[in-house]
């Protein structure tokens, strides 16, 4: 996916897998399923509650769809939508 980072750089920030393991308690609380894979509950060090979406298949087609979704969601701001803070 590194070739796509330029597209979304500056829109949302990249969060490493290791930085998400602690807030999600190693991805133990599954709260749903998204278009790319499972969604997990997490709580960041600052107390912010987050949903963490995972990608179950890393084909190039899905990578492009993922990058498009991140780019769109990071630009949308609406009172009824939670903000995207990273990918």
PDB file of N, CA and C in Angstrom:
ATOM      1  N   UNK A   1       0.811  -1.191   0.000  1.00  0.00           N
ATOM      2  CA  UNK A   1       0.000   0.000   0.000  1.00  0.00           C
ATOM      3  C   UNK A   1       0.851   1.249   0.000  1.00  0.00           C
ATOM      4  N   UNK A   2       2.143   1.151   0.170  1.00  0.00           N
ATOM      5  CA  UNK A   2       3.002   2.320   0.258  1.00  0.00           C
ATOM      6  C   UNK A   2       2.893   3.231  -0.954  1.00  0.00           C
ATOM      7  N   UNK A   3       2.598   2.690  -2.126  1.00  0.00           N
ATOM      8  CA  UNK A   3       2.476   3.522  -3.315  1.00  0.00           C
ATOM      9  C   UNK A   3       1.258   4.435  -3.251  1.00  0.00           C
ATOM     10  N   UNK A   4       0.308   4.142  -2.392  1.00  0.00           N
ATOM     11  CA  UNK A   4      -0.899   4.952  -2.278  1.00  0.00           C
ATOM     12  C   UNK A   4      -0.815   6.000  -1.178  1.00  0.00           C
ATOM     13  N   UNK A   5       0.193   5.956  -0.343  1.00  0.00           N
ATOM     14  CA  UNK A   5       0.274   6.891   0.783  1.00  0.00           C
ATOM     15  C   UNK A   5       0.352   8.334   0.338  1.00  0.00           C
ATOM     16  N   UNK A   6       0.937   8.585  -0.803  1.00  0.00           N
ATOM     17  CA  UNK A   6       1.042   9.951  -1.311  1.00  0.00           C
ATOM     18  C   UNK A   6      -0.351  10.537  -1.543  1.00  0.00           C
ATOM     19  N   UNK A   7      -1.282   9.711  -2.009  1.00  0.00           N
ATOM     20  CA  UNK A   7      -2.636  10.168  -2.304  1.00  0.00           C
ATOM     21  C   UNK A   7      -3.326  10.684  -1.056  1.00  0.00           C
ATOM     22  N   UNK A   8      -3.109  10.018   0.084  1.00  0.00           N
ATOM     23  CA  UNK A   8      -3.848  10.393   1.281  1.00  0.00           C
ATOM     24  C   UNK A   8      -2.985  11.097   2.320  1.00  0.00           C
ATOM     25  N   UNK A   9      -1.743  11.344   1.996  1.00  0.00           N
ATOM     26  CA  UNK A   9      -0.858  12.035   2.917  1.00  0.00           C
ATOM     27  C   UNK A   9      -1.394  13.441   3.187  1.00  0.00           C
ATOM     28  N   UNK A  10      -1.421  13.816   4.439  1.00  0.00           N
ATOM     29  CA  UNK A  10      -1.889  15.144   4.811  1.00  0.00           C
ATOM     30  C   UNK A  10      -3.388  15.212   5.026  1.00  0.00           C
ATOM     31  N   UNK A  11      -4.116  14.171   4.678  1.00  0.00           N
ATOM     32  CA  UNK A  11      -5.559  14.163   4.847  1.00  0.00           C
ATOM     33  C   UNK A  11      -5.915  13.495   6.168  1.00  0.00           C
ATOM     34  N   UNK A  12      -5.384  12.325   6.387  1.00  0.00           N
ATOM     35  CA  UNK A  12      -5.518  11.597   7.639  1.00  0.00           C
ATOM     36  C   UNK A  12      -4.131  11.040   7.930  1.00  0.00           C
ATOM     37  N   UNK A  13      -3.822  10.799   9.167  1.00  0.00           N
ATOM     38  CA  UNK A  13      -2.465  10.340   9.428  1.00  0.00           C
ATOM     39  C   UNK A  13      -2.386   8.832   9.567  1.00  0.00           C
ATOM     40  N   UNK A  14      -1.220   8.297   9.263  1.00  0.00           N
ATOM     41  CA  UNK A  14      -0.979   6.865   9.292  1.00  0.00           C
ATOM     42  C   UNK A  14      -0.731   6.431  10.732  1.00  0.00           C
ATOM     43  N   UNK A  15      -1.471   5.423  11.177  1.00  0.00           N
ATOM     44  CA  UNK A  15      -1.325   4.876  12.522  1.00  0.00           C
ATOM     45  C   UNK A  15      -0.806   3.451  12.367  1.00  0.00           C
ATOM     46  N   UNK A  16       0.284   3.147  13.005  1.00  0.00           N
ATOM     47  CA  UNK A  16       0.873   1.816  12.864  1.00  0.00           C
ATOM     48  C   UNK A  16       0.039   0.773  13.601  1.00  0.00           C
ATOM     49  N   UNK A  17       0.174  -0.461  13.161  1.00  0.00           N
ATOM     50  CA  UNK A  17      -0.537  -1.565  13.794  1.00  0.00           C
ATOM     51  C   UNK A  17      -0.178  -1.652  15.276  1.00  0.00           C
ATOM     52  N   UNK A  18       1.092  -1.492  15.585  1.00  0.00           N
ATOM     53  CA  UNK A  18       1.513  -1.586  16.989  1.00  0.00           C
ATOM     54  C   UNK A  18       0.890  -0.482  17.851  1.00  0.00           C
ATOM     55  N   UNK A  19       0.622   0.683  17.252  1.00  0.00           N
ATOM     56  CA  UNK A  19      -0.018   1.768  17.994  1.00  0.00           C
ATOM     57  C   UNK A  19      -1.507   1.510  18.238  1.00  0.00           C
ATOM     58  N   UNK A  20      -2.074   0.543  17.539  1.00  0.00           N
ATOM     59  CA  UNK A  20      -3.489   0.213  17.717  1.00  0.00           C
ATOM     60  C   UNK A  20      -3.710  -1.021  18.579  1.00  0.00           C
ATOM     61  N   UNK A  21      -2.662  -1.783  18.817  1.00  0.00           N
ATOM     62  CA  UNK A  21      -2.821  -3.012  19.598  1.00  0.00           C
ATOM     63  C   UNK A  21      -3.218  -2.721  21.042  1.00  0.00           C
ATOM     64  N   UNK A  22      -2.598  -1.745  21.669  1.00  0.00           N
ATOM     65  CA  UNK A  22      -2.947  -1.419  23.057  1.00  0.00           C
ATOM     66  C   UNK A  22      -4.354  -0.835  23.174  1.00  0.00           C
ATOM     67  N   UNK A  23      -4.717   0.176  22.376  1.00  0.00           N
ATOM     68  CA  UNK A  23      -6.072   0.739  22.510  1.00  0.00           C
ATOM     69  C   UNK A  23      -7.189  -0.266  22.226  1.00  0.00           C
ATOM     70  N   UNK A  24      -6.920  -1.259  21.375  1.00  0.00           N
ATOM     71  CA  UNK A  24      -7.947  -2.253  21.046  1.00  0.00           C
ATOM     72  C   UNK A  24      -7.815  -3.516  21.886  1.00  0.00           C
ATOM     73  N   UNK A  25      -6.875  -3.509  22.827  1.00  0.00           N
ATOM     74  CA  UNK A  25      -6.605  -4.697  23.645  1.00  0.00           C
ATOM     75  C   UNK A  25      -6.332  -5.895  22.734  1.00  0.00           C
ATOM     76  N   UNK A  26      -5.407  -5.657  21.797  1.00  0.00           N
ATOM     77  CA  UNK A  26      -5.033  -6.664  20.785  1.00  0.00           C
ATOM     78  C   UNK A  26      -6.229  -7.152  19.969  1.00  0.00           C
ATOM     79  N   UNK A  27      -7.099  -6.207  19.609  1.00  0.00           N
ATOM     80  CA  UNK A  27      -8.234  -6.485  18.725  1.00  0.00           C
ATOM     81  C   UNK A  27      -9.154  -7.570  19.297  1.00  0.00           C
ATOM     82  N   UNK A  28      -9.517  -7.406  20.572  1.00  0.00           N
ATOM     83  CA  UNK A  28     -10.361  -8.422  21.214  1.00  0.00           C
ATOM     84  C   UNK A  28     -11.849  -8.093  21.176  1.00  0.00           C
ATOM     85  N   UNK A  29     -12.221  -6.814  21.090  1.00  0.00           N
ATOM     86  CA  UNK A  29     -13.645  -6.468  21.134  1.00  0.00           C
ATOM     87  C   UNK A  29     -14.152  -6.134  19.728  1.00  0.00           C
ATOM     88  N   UNK A  30     -14.604  -7.167  19.039  1.00  0.00           N
ATOM     89  CA  UNK A  30     -15.144  -6.986  17.691  1.00  0.00           C
ATOM     90  C   UNK A  30     -16.547  -6.416  17.805  1.00  0.00           C
ATOM     91  N   UNK A  31     -16.797  -5.316  17.086  1.00  0.00           N
ATOM     92  CA  UNK A  31     -18.102  -4.663  17.180  1.00  0.00           C
ATOM     93  C   UNK A  31     -18.878  -4.702  15.867  1.00  0.00           C
ATOM     94  N   UNK A  32     -18.271  -5.255  14.830  1.00  0.00           N
ATOM     95  CA  UNK A  32     -18.995  -5.336  13.564  1.00  0.00           C
ATOM     96  C   UNK A  32     -18.104  -5.753  12.421  1.00  0.00           C
ATOM     97  N   UNK A  33     -18.667  -5.617  11.234  1.00  0.00           N
ATOM     98  CA  UNK A  33     -17.943  -5.949  10.022  1.00  0.00           C
ATOM     99  C   UNK A  33     -18.142  -4.818   9.032  1.00  0.00           C
ATOM    100  N   UNK A  34     -17.057  -4.352   8.455  1.00  0.00           N
ATOM    101  CA  UNK A  34     -17.121  -3.298   7.463  1.00  0.00           C
ATOM    102  C   UNK A  34     -16.916  -3.856   6.072  1.00  0.00           C
ATOM    103  N   UNK A  35     -16.792  -2.970   5.112  1.00  0.00           N
ATOM    104  CA  UNK A  35     -16.644  -3.390   3.723  1.00  0.00           C
ATOM    105  C   UNK A  35     -15.301  -4.067   3.448  1.00  0.00           C
ATOM    106  N   UNK A  36     -14.316  -3.870   4.307  1.00  0.00           N
ATOM    107  CA  UNK A  36     -12.992  -4.441   4.081  1.00  0.00           C
ATOM    108  C   UNK A  36     -12.625  -5.528   5.072  1.00  0.00           C
ATOM    109  N   UNK A  37     -13.340  -5.627   6.172  1.00  0.00           N
ATOM    110  CA  UNK A  37     -13.019  -6.613   7.198  1.00  0.00           C
ATOM    111  C   UNK A  37     -13.706  -6.261   8.504  1.00  0.00           C
ATOM    112  N   UNK A  38     -13.215  -6.822   9.579  1.00  0.00           N
ATOM    113  CA  UNK A  38     -13.822  -6.629  10.895  1.00  0.00           C
ATOM    114  C   UNK A  38     -13.566  -5.223  11.437  1.00  0.00           C
ATOM    115  N   UNK A  39     -14.448  -4.795  12.353  1.00  0.00           N
ATOM    116  CA  UNK A  39     -14.327  -3.503  13.018  1.00  0.00           C
ATOM    117  C   UNK A  39     -14.224  -3.771  14.514  1.00  0.00           C
ATOM    118  N   UNK A  40     -13.242  -3.117  15.154  1.00  0.00           N
ATOM    119  CA  UNK A  40     -12.975  -3.335  16.576  1.00  0.00           C
ATOM    120  C   UNK A  40     -13.104  -2.034  17.354  1.00  0.00           C
ATOM    121  N   UNK A  41     -13.483  -2.169  18.622  1.00  0.00           N
ATOM    122  CA  UNK A  41     -13.560  -1.036  19.537  1.00  0.00           C
ATOM    123  C   UNK A  41     -12.182  -0.774  20.124  1.00  0.00           C
ATOM    124  N   UNK A  42     -11.862   0.511  20.284  1.00  0.00           N
ATOM    125  CA  UNK A  42     -10.618   0.875  20.933  1.00  0.00           C
ATOM    126  C   UNK A  42     -10.767   2.155  21.721  1.00  0.00           C
ATOM    127  N   UNK A  43      -9.851   2.369  22.637  1.00  0.00           N
ATOM    128  CA  UNK A  43      -9.836   3.599  23.421  1.00  0.00           C
ATOM    129  C   UNK A  43      -8.396   4.095  23.466  1.00  0.00           C
ATOM    130  N   UNK A  44      -8.171   5.264  22.899  1.00  0.00           N
ATOM    131  CA  UNK A  44      -6.827   5.831  22.808  1.00  0.00           C
ATOM    132  C   UNK A  44      -6.370   6.335  24.185  1.00  0.00           C
ATOM    133  N   UNK A  45      -5.081   6.620  24.313  1.00  0.00           N
ATOM    134  CA  UNK A  45      -4.517   7.072  25.592  1.00  0.00           C
ATOM    135  C   UNK A  45      -5.167   8.352  26.096  1.00  0.00           C
ATOM    136  N   UNK A  46      -5.623   9.194  25.163  1.00  0.00           N
ATOM    137  CA  UNK A  46      -6.255  10.453  25.570  1.00  0.00           C
ATOM    138  C   UNK A  46      -7.730  10.268  25.950  1.00  0.00           C
ATOM    139  N   UNK A  47      -8.215   9.011  25.926  1.00  0.00           N
ATOM    140  CA  UNK A  47      -9.591   8.722  26.294  1.00  0.00           C
ATOM    141  C   UNK A  47     -10.555   8.696  25.120  1.00  0.00           C
ATOM    142  N   UNK A  48     -10.088   9.069  23.935  1.00  0.00           N
ATOM    143  CA  UNK A  48     -10.953   9.089  22.762  1.00  0.00           C
ATOM    144  C   UNK A  48     -11.315   7.662  22.354  1.00  0.00           C
ATOM    145  N   UNK A  49     -12.614   7.406  22.218  1.00  0.00           N
ATOM    146  CA  UNK A  49     -13.074   6.101  21.778  1.00  0.00           C
ATOM    147  C   UNK A  49     -13.018   6.048  20.257  1.00  0.00           C
ATOM    148  N   UNK A  50     -12.557   4.912  19.730  1.00  0.00           N
ATOM    149  CA  UNK A  50     -12.380   4.780  18.288  1.00  0.00           C
ATOM    150  C   UNK A  50     -12.901   3.433  17.796  1.00  0.00           C
ATOM    151  N   UNK A  51     -13.294   3.412  16.540  1.00  0.00           N
ATOM    152  CA  UNK A  51     -13.579   2.182  15.818  1.00  0.00           C
ATOM    153  C   UNK A  51     -12.383   1.945  14.915  1.00  0.00           C
ATOM    154  N   UNK A  52     -11.885   0.720  14.901  1.00  0.00           N
ATOM    155  CA  UNK A  52     -10.730   0.381  14.083  1.00  0.00           C
ATOM    156  C   UNK A  52     -11.166  -0.639  13.044  1.00  0.00           C
ATOM    157  N   UNK A  53     -11.127  -0.209  11.778  1.00  0.00           N
ATOM    158  CA  UNK A  53     -11.497  -1.099  10.683  1.00  0.00           C
ATOM    159  C   UNK A  53     -10.240  -1.814  10.208  1.00  0.00           C
ATOM    160  N   UNK A  54     -10.388  -3.086   9.903  1.00  0.00           N
ATOM    161  CA  UNK A  54      -9.263  -3.853   9.387  1.00  0.00           C
ATOM    162  C   UNK A  54      -9.557  -4.298   7.958  1.00  0.00           C
ATOM    163  N   UNK A  55      -8.488  -4.568   7.210  1.00  0.00           N
ATOM    164  CA  UNK A  55      -8.632  -5.039   5.846  1.00  0.00           C
ATOM    165  C   UNK A  55      -8.258  -6.516   5.819  1.00  0.00           C
ATOM    166  N   UNK A  56      -9.218  -7.369   5.456  1.00  0.00           N
ATOM    167  CA  UNK A  56      -8.974  -8.805   5.478  1.00  0.00           C
ATOM    168  C   UNK A  56      -8.278  -9.307   4.220  1.00  0.00           C
ATOM    169  N   UNK A  57      -8.383  -8.583   3.131  1.00  0.00           N
ATOM    170  CA  UNK A  57      -7.764  -8.982   1.871  1.00  0.00           C
ATOM    171  C   UNK A  57      -6.987  -7.783   1.341  1.00  0.00           C
ATOM    172  N   UNK A  58      -5.762  -7.992   0.939  1.00  0.00           N
ATOM    173  CA  UNK A  58      -4.943  -6.858   0.512  1.00  0.00           C
ATOM    174  C   UNK A  58      -4.683  -6.860  -0.995  1.00  0.00           C
ATOM    175  N   UNK A  59      -5.676  -7.242  -1.787  1.00  0.00           N
ATOM    176  CA  UNK A  59      -5.503  -7.204  -3.231  1.00  0.00           C
ATOM    177  C   UNK A  59      -5.371  -5.755  -3.688  1.00  0.00           C
ATOM    178  N   UNK A  60      -4.775  -5.551  -4.850  1.00  0.00           N
ATOM    179  CA  UNK A  60      -4.558  -4.184  -5.332  1.00  0.00           C
ATOM    180  C   UNK A  60      -5.877  -3.468  -5.579  1.00  0.00           C
ATOM    181  N   UNK A  61      -6.900  -4.198  -5.990  1.00  0.00           N
ATOM    182  CA  UNK A  61      -8.214  -3.588  -6.206  1.00  0.00           C
ATOM    183  C   UNK A  61      -8.780  -3.063  -4.884  1.00  0.00           C
ATOM    184  N   UNK A  62      -8.698  -3.881  -3.833  1.00  0.00           N
ATOM    185  CA  UNK A  62      -9.191  -3.441  -2.524  1.00  0.00           C
ATOM    186  C   UNK A  62      -8.340  -2.324  -1.956  1.00  0.00           C
ATOM    187  N   UNK A  63      -7.038  -2.344  -2.211  1.00  0.00           N
ATOM    188  CA  UNK A  63      -6.181  -1.246  -1.757  1.00  0.00           C
ATOM    189  C   UNK A  63      -6.637   0.068  -2.362  1.00  0.00           C
ATOM    190  N   UNK A  64      -6.960   0.069  -3.640  1.00  0.00           N
ATOM    191  CA  UNK A  64      -7.430   1.302  -4.299  1.00  0.00           C
ATOM    192  C   UNK A  64      -8.750   1.760  -3.706  1.00  0.00           C
ATOM    193  N   UNK A  65      -9.664   0.815  -3.452  1.00  0.00           N
ATOM    194  CA  UNK A  65     -10.946   1.168  -2.832  1.00  0.00           C
ATOM    195  C   UNK A  65     -10.734   1.729  -1.431  1.00  0.00           C
ATOM    196  N   UNK A  66      -9.817   1.121  -0.686  1.00  0.00           N
ATOM    197  CA  UNK A  66      -9.522   1.575   0.669  1.00  0.00           C
ATOM    198  C   UNK A  66      -8.983   3.003   0.648  1.00  0.00           C
ATOM    199  N   UNK A  67      -8.037   3.267  -0.230  1.00  0.00           N
ATOM    200  CA  UNK A  67      -7.451   4.602  -0.336  1.00  0.00           C
ATOM    201  C   UNK A  67      -8.526   5.618  -0.701  1.00  0.00           C
ATOM    202  N   UNK A  68      -9.413   5.254  -1.608  1.00  0.00           N
ATOM    203  CA  UNK A  68     -10.508   6.148  -1.993  1.00  0.00           C
ATOM    204  C   UNK A  68     -11.420   6.427  -0.813  1.00  0.00           C
ATOM    205  N   UNK A  69     -11.759   5.390  -0.047  1.00  0.00           N
ATOM    206  CA  UNK A  69     -12.627   5.570   1.119  1.00  0.00           C
ATOM    207  C   UNK A  69     -11.970   6.471   2.158  1.00  0.00           C
ATOM    208  N   UNK A  70     -10.696   6.253   2.413  1.00  0.00           N
ATOM    209  CA  UNK A  70      -9.981   7.091   3.380  1.00  0.00           C
ATOM    210  C   UNK A  70      -9.967   8.545   2.915  1.00  0.00           C
ATOM    211  N   UNK A  71      -9.675   8.769   1.657  1.00  0.00           N
ATOM    212  CA  UNK A  71      -9.625  10.138   1.129  1.00  0.00           C
ATOM    213  C   UNK A  71     -10.974  10.828   1.246  1.00  0.00           C
ATOM    214  N   UNK A  72     -12.034  10.129   0.932  1.00  0.00           N
ATOM    215  CA  UNK A  72     -13.378  10.720   1.009  1.00  0.00           C
ATOM    216  C   UNK A  72     -13.779  10.970   2.461  1.00  0.00           C
ATOM    217  N   UNK A  73     -13.630   9.946   3.303  1.00  0.00           N
ATOM    218  CA  UNK A  73     -14.066  10.079   4.697  1.00  0.00           C
ATOM    219  C   UNK A  73     -13.273  11.117   5.478  1.00  0.00           C
ATOM    220  N   UNK A  74     -12.022  11.321   5.115  1.00  0.00           N
ATOM    221  CA  UNK A  74     -11.223  12.302   5.842  1.00  0.00           C
ATOM    222  C   UNK A  74     -11.603  13.731   5.474  1.00  0.00           C
ATOM    223  N   UNK A  75     -12.290  13.900   4.368  1.00  0.00           N
ATOM    224  CA  UNK A  75     -12.701  15.241   3.934  1.00  0.00           C
ATOM    225  C   UNK A  75     -14.149  15.575   4.317  1.00  0.00           C
ATOM    226  N   UNK A  76     -14.912  14.555   4.692  1.00  0.00           N
ATOM    227  CA  UNK A  76     -16.320  14.773   5.028  1.00  0.00           C
ATOM    228  C   UNK A  76     -16.441  15.127   6.507  1.00  0.00           C
ATOM    229  N   UNK A  77     -17.129  16.198   6.774  1.00  0.00           N
ATOM    230  CA  UNK A  77     -17.376  16.606   8.162  1.00  0.00           C
ATOM    231  C   UNK A  77     -18.879  16.866   8.299  1.00  0.00           C
ATOM    232  N   UNK A  78     -19.528  16.033   9.079  1.00  0.00           N
ATOM    233  CA  UNK A  78     -20.967  16.155   9.276  1.00  0.00           C
ATOM    234  C   UNK A  78     -21.279  15.776  10.722  1.00  0.00           C
ATOM    235  N   UNK A  79     -22.236  16.430  11.313  1.00  0.00           N
ATOM    236  CA  UNK A  79     -22.549  16.183  12.721  1.00  0.00           C
ATOM    237  C   UNK A  79     -23.028  14.759  12.987  1.00  0.00           C
ATOM    238  N   UNK A  80     -23.521  14.072  11.976  1.00  0.00           N
ATOM    239  CA  UNK A  80     -23.998  12.701  12.157  1.00  0.00           C
ATOM    240  C   UNK A  80     -22.970  11.632  11.795  1.00  0.00           C
ATOM    241  N   UNK A  81     -21.767  12.035  11.452  1.00  0.00           N
ATOM    242  CA  UNK A  81     -20.706  11.092  11.116  1.00  0.00           C
ATOM    243  C   UNK A  81     -19.527  11.270  12.045  1.00  0.00           C
ATOM    244  N   UNK A  82     -18.932  10.160  12.451  1.00  0.00           N
ATOM    245  CA  UNK A  82     -17.733  10.260  13.269  1.00  0.00           C
ATOM    246  C   UNK A  82     -16.568  10.644  12.361  1.00  0.00           C
ATOM    247  N   UNK A  83     -15.622  11.436  12.840  1.00  0.00           N
ATOM    248  CA  UNK A  83     -14.517  11.849  11.984  1.00  0.00           C
ATOM    249  C   UNK A  83     -13.489  10.737  11.820  1.00  0.00           C
ATOM    250  N   UNK A  84     -12.843  10.729  10.661  1.00  0.00           N
ATOM    251  CA  UNK A  84     -11.735   9.820  10.403  1.00  0.00           C
ATOM    252  C   UNK A  84     -10.465  10.505  10.883  1.00  0.00           C
ATOM    253  N   UNK A  85      -9.719   9.853  11.786  1.00  0.00           N
ATOM    254  CA  UNK A  85      -8.498  10.479  12.284  1.00  0.00           C
ATOM    255  C   UNK A  85      -7.235   9.847  11.731  1.00  0.00           C
ATOM    256  N   UNK A  86      -7.350   8.633  11.203  1.00  0.00           N
ATOM    257  CA  UNK A  86      -6.169   7.995  10.661  1.00  0.00           C
ATOM    258  C   UNK A  86      -6.484   6.732   9.917  1.00  0.00           C
ATOM    259  N   UNK A  87      -5.456   6.193   9.335  1.00  0.00           N
ATOM    260  CA  UNK A  87      -5.601   4.956   8.569  1.00  0.00           C
ATOM    261  C   UNK A  87      -4.447   4.036   8.883  1.00  0.00           C
TER     262      UNK A  87
END
